[in-house]
Amino acid sequence: MLQRIQSLYLLIAALLVSLLFILPLAELVDKGGLLYEFNVLGLFAKGGSEMVVQRYWPLMILSLLILFLLLYTLFQYKNRIRQIRLSSLIVFLLMSQVALIYYTVWQTDQLMSVTHVMKLSFTFPLIASILLFLAIRGIKKDENLVKSIDRIR
């Protein structure tokens, strides 16, 4: 039953989370003018060649967990209660991810004495959370419809 609107919400949320692995979340510039890019995989020095400055394993693992749970939730359409619970858990994990991203950028800013600019992709977890709230609402409507039909029988 992948044609339900909440399934589309879950799919779009999964696409937004997967884009976090490609797009930069923030750009950092040090006093010497060297440009760094920060995404969920780590901090990369930009210049002639891309060089890994630091990996952020907790952020990477959390992002992979969120992506896996989103895809798992998408295919749990026969068990609507499980979908609601997993979606609620994912919303909590997405908010934790936003906090961890901001804390990591802030900490890097303090340690390396750089200035940072947050990119548009920083809002992707927030947009995914909104989509998950819409999906939860649609799943609850389906569950209430099934319960009302069972009462009629």
N, C-alpha and C. Protein backbone atom coordinates (compact mmCIF):
# COMPACT_ATOMS: atom_id res chain seq x y z
N MET A 1 0.82 -1.18 0.00
CA MET A 1 0.00 0.00 0.00
C MET A 1 0.88 1.25 0.00
N LEU A 2 1.81 1.30 -0.93
CA LEU A 2 2.73 2.42 -1.00
C LEU A 2 2.13 3.65 -1.68
N GLN A 3 0.86 3.58 -2.10
CA GLN A 3 0.27 4.73 -2.75
C GLN A 3 -0.38 5.69 -1.75
N ARG A 4 -0.31 5.41 -0.48
CA ARG A 4 -0.86 6.32 0.53
C ARG A 4 0.00 7.57 0.62
N ILE A 5 -0.62 8.69 0.98
CA ILE A 5 0.10 9.96 1.04
C ILE A 5 1.17 9.93 2.13
N GLN A 6 0.90 9.22 3.24
CA GLN A 6 1.91 9.17 4.30
C GLN A 6 3.15 8.40 3.85
N SER A 7 2.98 7.47 2.93
CA SER A 7 4.14 6.78 2.38
C SER A 7 5.00 7.75 1.56
N LEU A 8 4.36 8.65 0.86
CA LEU A 8 5.11 9.67 0.13
C LEU A 8 5.84 10.60 1.09
N TYR A 9 5.19 10.95 2.19
CA TYR A 9 5.85 11.79 3.20
C TYR A 9 7.10 11.09 3.74
N LEU A 10 6.97 9.80 4.03
CA LEU A 10 8.12 9.04 4.55
C LEU A 10 9.22 8.94 3.50
N LEU A 11 8.85 8.75 2.25
CA LEU A 11 9.84 8.64 1.18
C LEU A 11 10.57 9.97 0.97
N ILE A 12 9.85 11.07 0.99
CA ILE A 12 10.50 12.38 0.83
C ILE A 12 11.41 12.67 2.02
N ALA A 13 10.98 12.30 3.22
CA ALA A 13 11.83 12.48 4.40
C ALA A 13 13.11 11.65 4.27
N ALA A 14 13.00 10.43 3.76
CA ALA A 14 14.19 9.59 3.56
C ALA A 14 15.13 10.21 2.52
N LEU A 15 14.56 10.80 1.47
CA LEU A 15 15.38 11.47 0.45
C LEU A 15 16.10 12.68 1.04
N LEU A 16 15.41 13.44 1.88
CA LEU A 16 16.05 14.60 2.51
C LEU A 16 17.20 14.18 3.42
N VAL A 17 16.99 13.11 4.18
CA VAL A 17 18.05 12.63 5.07
C VAL A 17 19.22 12.08 4.26
N SER A 18 18.94 11.42 3.15
CA SER A 18 20.04 10.90 2.33
C SER A 18 20.83 12.02 1.67
N LEU A 19 20.19 13.15 1.39
CA LEU A 19 20.90 14.29 0.82
C LEU A 19 21.91 14.89 1.79
N LEU A 20 21.73 14.64 3.07
CA LEU A 20 22.68 15.16 4.07
C LEU A 20 24.07 14.56 3.90
N PHE A 21 24.16 13.39 3.28
CA PHE A 21 25.46 12.76 3.05
C PHE A 21 26.21 13.40 1.89
N ILE A 22 25.49 14.13 1.05
CA ILE A 22 26.10 14.72 -0.14
C ILE A 22 26.32 16.22 0.02
N LEU A 23 25.29 16.92 0.49
CA LEU A 23 25.34 18.38 0.57
C LEU A 23 26.01 18.86 1.85
N PRO A 24 26.71 19.98 1.78
CA PRO A 24 27.32 20.52 3.00
C PRO A 24 26.29 21.14 3.93
N LEU A 25 26.48 20.95 5.23
CA LEU A 25 25.60 21.55 6.22
C LEU A 25 26.07 22.94 6.60
N ALA A 26 27.38 23.14 6.54
CA ALA A 26 27.95 24.44 6.90
C ALA A 26 29.27 24.62 6.18
N GLU A 27 29.64 25.87 5.99
CA GLU A 27 30.96 26.22 5.48
C GLU A 27 31.67 26.99 6.56
N LEU A 28 32.93 26.67 6.76
CA LEU A 28 33.74 27.33 7.77
C LEU A 28 34.95 27.95 7.09
N VAL A 29 35.31 29.15 7.50
CA VAL A 29 36.46 29.85 6.94
C VAL A 29 37.37 30.26 8.10
N ASP A 30 38.65 29.88 8.00
CA ASP A 30 39.58 30.28 9.06
C ASP A 30 40.17 31.65 8.73
N LYS A 31 41.02 32.12 9.63
CA LYS A 31 41.58 33.46 9.47
C LYS A 31 42.53 33.57 8.28
N GLY A 32 43.07 32.45 7.86
CA GLY A 32 43.97 32.43 6.71
C GLY A 32 43.23 32.36 5.39
N GLY A 33 41.92 32.24 5.42
CA GLY A 33 41.13 32.20 4.21
C GLY A 33 40.87 30.79 3.69
N LEU A 34 41.31 29.76 4.43
CA LEU A 34 41.08 28.38 4.01
C LEU A 34 39.62 28.01 4.26
N LEU A 35 39.00 27.39 3.28
CA LEU A 35 37.59 27.05 3.33
C LEU A 35 37.43 25.58 3.73
N TYR A 36 36.52 25.35 4.68
CA TYR A 36 36.18 23.99 5.13
C TYR A 36 34.70 23.76 4.87
N GLU A 37 34.36 22.52 4.53
CA GLU A 37 32.97 22.13 4.36
C GLU A 37 32.63 21.08 5.39
N PHE A 38 31.47 21.23 6.03
CA PHE A 38 31.03 20.30 7.05
C PHE A 38 29.76 19.61 6.58
N ASN A 39 29.78 18.27 6.57
CA ASN A 39 28.56 17.50 6.34
C ASN A 39 28.54 16.36 7.35
N VAL A 40 27.57 15.45 7.26
CA VAL A 40 27.45 14.42 8.27
C VAL A 40 28.61 13.42 8.24
N LEU A 41 29.38 13.42 7.17
CA LEU A 41 30.53 12.53 7.08
C LEU A 41 31.76 13.09 7.77
N GLY A 42 31.81 14.41 7.94
CA GLY A 42 32.95 15.01 8.61
C GLY A 42 33.24 16.40 8.12
N LEU A 43 34.44 16.86 8.44
CA LEU A 43 34.91 18.18 8.06
C LEU A 43 35.96 18.01 6.97
N PHE A 44 35.76 18.69 5.85
CA PHE A 44 36.63 18.55 4.70
C PHE A 44 37.25 19.90 4.37
N ALA A 45 38.55 19.90 4.10
CA ALA A 45 39.23 21.12 3.65
C ALA A 45 39.01 21.24 2.15
N LYS A 46 38.53 22.40 1.73
CA LYS A 46 38.30 22.64 0.30
C LYS A 46 39.47 23.43 -0.25
N GLY A 47 39.81 23.14 -1.44
CA GLY A 47 40.91 23.81 -2.10
C GLY A 47 41.16 23.10 -3.40
N GLY A 48 42.41 22.85 -3.70
CA GLY A 48 42.75 22.12 -4.91
C GLY A 48 42.24 20.69 -4.86
N SER A 49 42.37 20.05 -3.69
CA SER A 49 41.86 18.70 -3.53
C SER A 49 41.10 18.62 -2.21
N GLU A 50 40.14 17.73 -2.17
CA GLU A 50 39.33 17.58 -0.97
C GLU A 50 40.06 16.69 0.02
N MET A 51 40.27 17.19 1.22
CA MET A 51 41.00 16.45 2.23
C MET A 51 40.15 16.36 3.50
N VAL A 52 40.10 15.18 4.08
CA VAL A 52 39.34 14.99 5.31
C VAL A 52 40.14 15.56 6.47
N VAL A 53 39.54 16.50 7.19
CA VAL A 53 40.19 17.07 8.36
C VAL A 53 39.80 16.29 9.60
N GLN A 54 38.51 15.98 9.72
CA GLN A 54 38.05 15.25 10.90
C GLN A 54 36.76 14.53 10.56
N ARG A 55 36.63 13.30 11.04
CA ARG A 55 35.39 12.53 10.90
C ARG A 55 34.57 12.69 12.18
N TYR A 56 33.26 12.76 12.02
CA TYR A 56 32.35 12.84 13.16
C TYR A 56 31.49 11.57 13.17
N TRP A 57 32.01 10.54 13.83
CA TRP A 57 31.37 9.24 13.81
C TRP A 57 29.99 9.24 14.45
N PRO A 58 29.77 9.91 15.59
CA PRO A 58 28.41 9.88 16.17
C PRO A 58 27.35 10.46 15.22
N LEU A 59 27.70 11.53 14.54
CA LEU A 59 26.76 12.15 13.60
C LEU A 59 26.52 11.25 12.40
N MET A 60 27.56 10.60 11.92
CA MET A 60 27.44 9.70 10.78
C MET A 60 26.57 8.49 11.14
N ILE A 61 26.81 7.91 12.31
CA ILE A 61 26.04 6.74 12.73
C ILE A 61 24.58 7.10 12.97
N LEU A 62 24.35 8.26 13.59
CA LEU A 62 22.97 8.70 13.84
C LEU A 62 22.24 8.94 12.52
N SER A 63 22.91 9.52 11.55
CA SER A 63 22.27 9.77 10.25
C SER A 63 21.96 8.46 9.53
N LEU A 64 22.86 7.50 9.59
CA LEU A 64 22.59 6.20 8.98
C LEU A 64 21.44 5.48 9.68
N LEU A 65 21.39 5.58 11.01
CA LEU A 65 20.30 4.97 11.77
C LEU A 65 18.96 5.59 11.39
N ILE A 66 18.92 6.91 11.28
CA ILE A 66 17.69 7.59 10.89
C ILE A 66 17.25 7.15 9.50
N LEU A 67 18.19 7.10 8.57
CA LEU A 67 17.86 6.69 7.20
C LEU A 67 17.35 5.26 7.16
N PHE A 68 18.00 4.35 7.89
CA PHE A 68 17.55 2.96 7.94
C PHE A 68 16.16 2.86 8.53
N LEU A 69 15.91 3.58 9.65
CA LEU A 69 14.60 3.52 10.29
C LEU A 69 13.50 4.11 9.40
N LEU A 70 13.82 5.16 8.65
CA LEU A 70 12.84 5.73 7.73
C LEU A 70 12.45 4.72 6.64
N LEU A 71 13.44 4.06 6.09
CA LEU A 71 13.15 3.07 5.04
C LEU A 71 12.40 1.86 5.61
N TYR A 72 12.77 1.45 6.83
CA TYR A 72 12.07 0.34 7.48
C TYR A 72 10.62 0.72 7.77
N THR A 73 10.41 1.94 8.26
CA THR A 73 9.07 2.41 8.57
C THR A 73 8.22 2.50 7.31
N LEU A 74 8.81 2.88 6.22
CA LEU A 74 8.09 3.00 4.96
C LEU A 74 7.46 1.67 4.55
N PHE A 75 8.15 0.57 4.81
CA PHE A 75 7.65 -0.73 4.40
C PHE A 75 6.89 -1.47 5.50
N GLN A 76 6.57 -0.79 6.57
CA GLN A 76 5.75 -1.37 7.64
C GLN A 76 4.30 -0.93 7.51
N TYR A 77 3.81 -0.78 6.30
CA TYR A 77 2.47 -0.24 6.08
C TYR A 77 1.36 -1.16 6.56
N LYS A 78 1.64 -2.43 6.77
CA LYS A 78 0.61 -3.34 7.27
C LYS A 78 0.42 -3.22 8.78
N ASN A 79 1.41 -2.70 9.46
CA ASN A 79 1.34 -2.53 10.91
C ASN A 79 1.39 -1.03 11.21
N ARG A 80 0.21 -0.42 11.23
CA ARG A 80 0.13 1.03 11.36
C ARG A 80 0.57 1.53 12.73
N ILE A 81 0.30 0.76 13.77
CA ILE A 81 0.72 1.18 15.11
C ILE A 81 2.24 1.23 15.20
N ARG A 82 2.92 0.23 14.62
CA ARG A 82 4.38 0.23 14.60
C ARG A 82 4.90 1.41 13.79
N GLN A 83 4.22 1.74 12.70
CA GLN A 83 4.62 2.89 11.89
C GLN A 83 4.53 4.18 12.70
N ILE A 84 3.48 4.33 13.48
CA ILE A 84 3.33 5.53 14.30
C ILE A 84 4.43 5.62 15.34
N ARG A 85 4.71 4.51 16.00
CA ARG A 85 5.75 4.50 17.05
C ARG A 85 7.15 4.77 16.45
N LEU A 86 7.43 4.13 15.34
CA LEU A 86 8.74 4.34 14.71
C LEU A 86 8.87 5.77 14.20
N SER A 87 7.80 6.31 13.66
CA SER A 87 7.85 7.69 13.17
C SER A 87 8.08 8.67 14.32
N SER A 88 7.46 8.42 15.45
CA SER A 88 7.69 9.27 16.63
C SER A 88 9.14 9.18 17.10
N LEU A 89 9.69 7.97 17.08
CA LEU A 89 11.10 7.79 17.45
C LEU A 89 12.01 8.53 16.47
N ILE A 90 11.69 8.47 15.19
CA ILE A 90 12.52 9.13 14.19
C ILE A 90 12.47 10.65 14.35
N VAL A 91 11.30 11.19 14.72
CA VAL A 91 11.21 12.63 14.96
C VAL A 91 12.15 13.03 16.11
N PHE A 92 12.16 12.22 17.17
CA PHE A 92 13.08 12.48 18.28
C PHE A 92 14.53 12.40 17.82
N LEU A 93 14.86 11.40 17.02
CA LEU A 93 16.23 11.25 16.51
C LEU A 93 16.62 12.40 15.59
N LEU A 94 15.67 12.88 14.79
CA LEU A 94 15.96 14.02 13.91
C LEU A 94 16.24 15.28 14.71
N MET A 95 15.48 15.50 15.77
CA MET A 95 15.73 16.67 16.62
C MET A 95 17.09 16.54 17.33
N SER A 96 17.44 15.32 17.71
CA SER A 96 18.76 15.07 18.30
C SER A 96 19.85 15.33 17.26
N GLN A 97 19.59 14.96 16.04
CA GLN A 97 20.55 15.19 14.96
C GLN A 97 20.77 16.68 14.73
N VAL A 98 19.71 17.46 14.74
CA VAL A 98 19.84 18.90 14.56
C VAL A 98 20.68 19.50 15.69
N ALA A 99 20.39 19.07 16.92
CA ALA A 99 21.16 19.57 18.07
C ALA A 99 22.63 19.16 17.97
N LEU A 100 22.89 17.92 17.56
CA LEU A 100 24.27 17.44 17.43
C LEU A 100 25.00 18.17 16.31
N ILE A 101 24.33 18.45 15.21
CA ILE A 101 24.95 19.19 14.12
C ILE A 101 25.34 20.59 14.59
N TYR A 102 24.40 21.26 15.22
CA TYR A 102 24.68 22.62 15.66
C TYR A 102 25.79 22.65 16.71
N TYR A 103 25.75 21.69 17.65
CA TYR A 103 26.79 21.63 18.67
C TYR A 103 28.16 21.35 18.05
N THR A 104 28.22 20.46 17.09
CA THR A 104 29.49 20.11 16.44
C THR A 104 30.06 21.30 15.68
N VAL A 105 29.20 22.01 14.96
CA VAL A 105 29.67 23.20 14.23
C VAL A 105 30.14 24.26 15.22
N TRP A 106 29.38 24.46 16.28
CA TRP A 106 29.76 25.46 17.29
C TRP A 106 31.09 25.09 17.96
N GLN A 107 31.26 23.81 18.30
CA GLN A 107 32.48 23.34 18.94
C GLN A 107 33.68 23.50 17.99
N THR A 108 33.50 23.16 16.72
CA THR A 108 34.56 23.33 15.73
C THR A 108 34.90 24.79 15.56
N ASP A 109 33.88 25.63 15.59
CA ASP A 109 34.07 27.08 15.49
C ASP A 109 34.93 27.59 16.65
N GLN A 110 34.70 27.08 17.84
CA GLN A 110 35.46 27.50 19.02
C GLN A 110 36.89 26.96 19.00
N LEU A 111 37.05 25.69 18.63
CA LEU A 111 38.37 25.06 18.68
C LEU A 111 39.31 25.55 17.59
N MET A 112 38.80 25.77 16.40
CA MET A 112 39.65 26.15 15.27
C MET A 112 39.64 27.65 15.02
N SER A 113 38.88 28.38 15.79
CA SER A 113 38.69 29.83 15.62
C SER A 113 38.38 30.20 14.17
N VAL A 114 37.28 29.63 13.69
CA VAL A 114 36.80 29.89 12.35
C VAL A 114 35.41 30.53 12.44
N THR A 115 34.95 31.07 11.35
CA THR A 115 33.57 31.55 11.27
C THR A 115 32.78 30.59 10.41
N HIS A 116 31.53 30.40 10.76
CA HIS A 116 30.73 29.42 10.02
C HIS A 116 29.49 30.08 9.42
N VAL A 117 29.04 29.46 8.34
CA VAL A 117 27.80 29.85 7.67
C VAL A 117 27.01 28.58 7.47
N MET A 118 25.80 28.54 8.07
CA MET A 118 24.96 27.37 7.91
C MET A 118 24.33 27.39 6.52
N LYS A 119 24.23 26.24 5.90
CA LYS A 119 23.65 26.10 4.57
C LYS A 119 22.17 25.70 4.66
N LEU A 120 21.50 25.72 3.52
CA LEU A 120 20.09 25.38 3.46
C LEU A 120 19.84 23.92 3.87
N SER A 121 20.80 23.06 3.59
CA SER A 121 20.63 21.65 3.93
C SER A 121 20.56 21.42 5.44
N PHE A 122 20.93 22.40 6.25
CA PHE A 122 20.79 22.30 7.70
C PHE A 122 19.31 22.17 8.09
N THR A 123 18.42 22.69 7.27
CA THR A 123 16.99 22.63 7.57
C THR A 123 16.34 21.32 7.14
N PHE A 124 17.05 20.46 6.41
CA PHE A 124 16.46 19.22 5.93
C PHE A 124 15.93 18.32 7.06
N PRO A 125 16.65 18.14 8.18
CA PRO A 125 16.07 17.34 9.26
C PRO A 125 14.80 17.97 9.84
N LEU A 126 14.73 19.28 9.88
CA LEU A 126 13.53 19.94 10.37
C LEU A 126 12.35 19.73 9.42
N ILE A 127 12.62 19.83 8.12
CA ILE A 127 11.58 19.58 7.12
C ILE A 127 11.13 18.12 7.18
N ALA A 128 12.09 17.21 7.36
CA ALA A 128 11.76 15.79 7.49
C ALA A 128 10.89 15.54 8.72
N SER A 129 11.13 16.27 9.80
CA SER A 129 10.31 16.13 11.01
C SER A 129 8.88 16.56 10.74
N ILE A 130 8.72 17.65 10.02
CA ILE A 130 7.37 18.13 9.67
C ILE A 130 6.67 17.10 8.79
N LEU A 131 7.40 16.54 7.84
CA LEU A 131 6.81 15.50 6.99
C LEU A 131 6.42 14.27 7.80
N LEU A 132 7.21 13.94 8.81
CA LEU A 132 6.86 12.79 9.66
C LEU A 132 5.63 13.07 10.50
N PHE A 133 5.46 14.32 10.97
CA PHE A 133 4.24 14.66 11.69
C PHE A 133 3.02 14.51 10.78
N LEU A 134 3.15 14.93 9.54
CA LEU A 134 2.06 14.76 8.58
C LEU A 134 1.79 13.28 8.31
N ALA A 135 2.85 12.49 8.23
CA ALA A 135 2.69 11.05 8.02
C ALA A 135 1.99 10.40 9.22
N ILE A 136 2.37 10.79 10.42
CA ILE A 136 1.73 10.24 11.62
C ILE A 136 0.24 10.56 11.61
N ARG A 137 -0.09 11.79 11.23
CA ARG A 137 -1.50 12.18 11.18
C ARG A 137 -2.26 11.33 10.16
N GLY A 138 -1.66 11.09 9.00
CA GLY A 138 -2.31 10.25 7.99
C GLY A 138 -2.44 8.79 8.43
N ILE A 139 -1.44 8.29 9.11
CA ILE A 139 -1.49 6.90 9.60
C ILE A 139 -2.58 6.76 10.66
N LYS A 140 -2.71 7.76 11.52
CA LYS A 140 -3.77 7.73 12.54
C LYS A 140 -5.15 7.77 11.89
N LYS A 141 -5.31 8.54 10.82
CA LYS A 141 -6.59 8.56 10.11
C LYS A 141 -6.91 7.19 9.53
N ASP A 142 -5.91 6.53 8.95
CA ASP A 142 -6.12 5.19 8.42
C ASP A 142 -6.51 4.21 9.53
N GLU A 143 -5.83 4.31 10.66
CA GLU A 143 -6.12 3.42 11.79
C GLU A 143 -7.53 3.65 12.31
N ASN A 144 -7.94 4.90 12.42
CA ASN A 144 -9.31 5.19 12.87
C ASN A 144 -10.34 4.70 11.86
N LEU A 145 -10.05 4.79 10.58
CA LEU A 145 -10.95 4.29 9.55
C LEU A 145 -11.11 2.79 9.66
N VAL A 146 -10.02 2.07 9.85
CA VAL A 146 -10.08 0.62 9.99
C VAL A 146 -10.86 0.23 11.24
N LYS A 147 -10.67 0.95 12.34
CA LYS A 147 -11.41 0.66 13.57
C LYS A 147 -12.91 0.90 13.39
N SER A 148 -13.26 1.96 12.68
CA SER A 148 -14.68 2.26 12.48
C SER A 148 -15.34 1.23 11.58
N ILE A 149 -14.61 0.72 10.61
CA ILE A 149 -15.16 -0.32 9.74
C ILE A 149 -15.32 -1.62 10.53
N ASP A 150 -14.40 -1.92 11.44
CA ASP A 150 -14.52 -3.11 12.27
C ASP A 150 -15.73 -3.01 13.19
N ARG A 151 -16.09 -1.83 13.66
CA ARG A 151 -17.24 -1.66 14.53
C ARG A 151 -18.55 -1.90 13.76
N ILE A 152 -18.56 -1.57 12.50
CA ILE A 152 -19.76 -1.75 11.70
C ILE A 152 -20.08 -3.22 11.51
N ARG A 153 -19.06 -4.04 11.39
CA ARG A 153 -19.27 -5.48 11.20
C ARG A 153 -19.85 -6.04 12.41
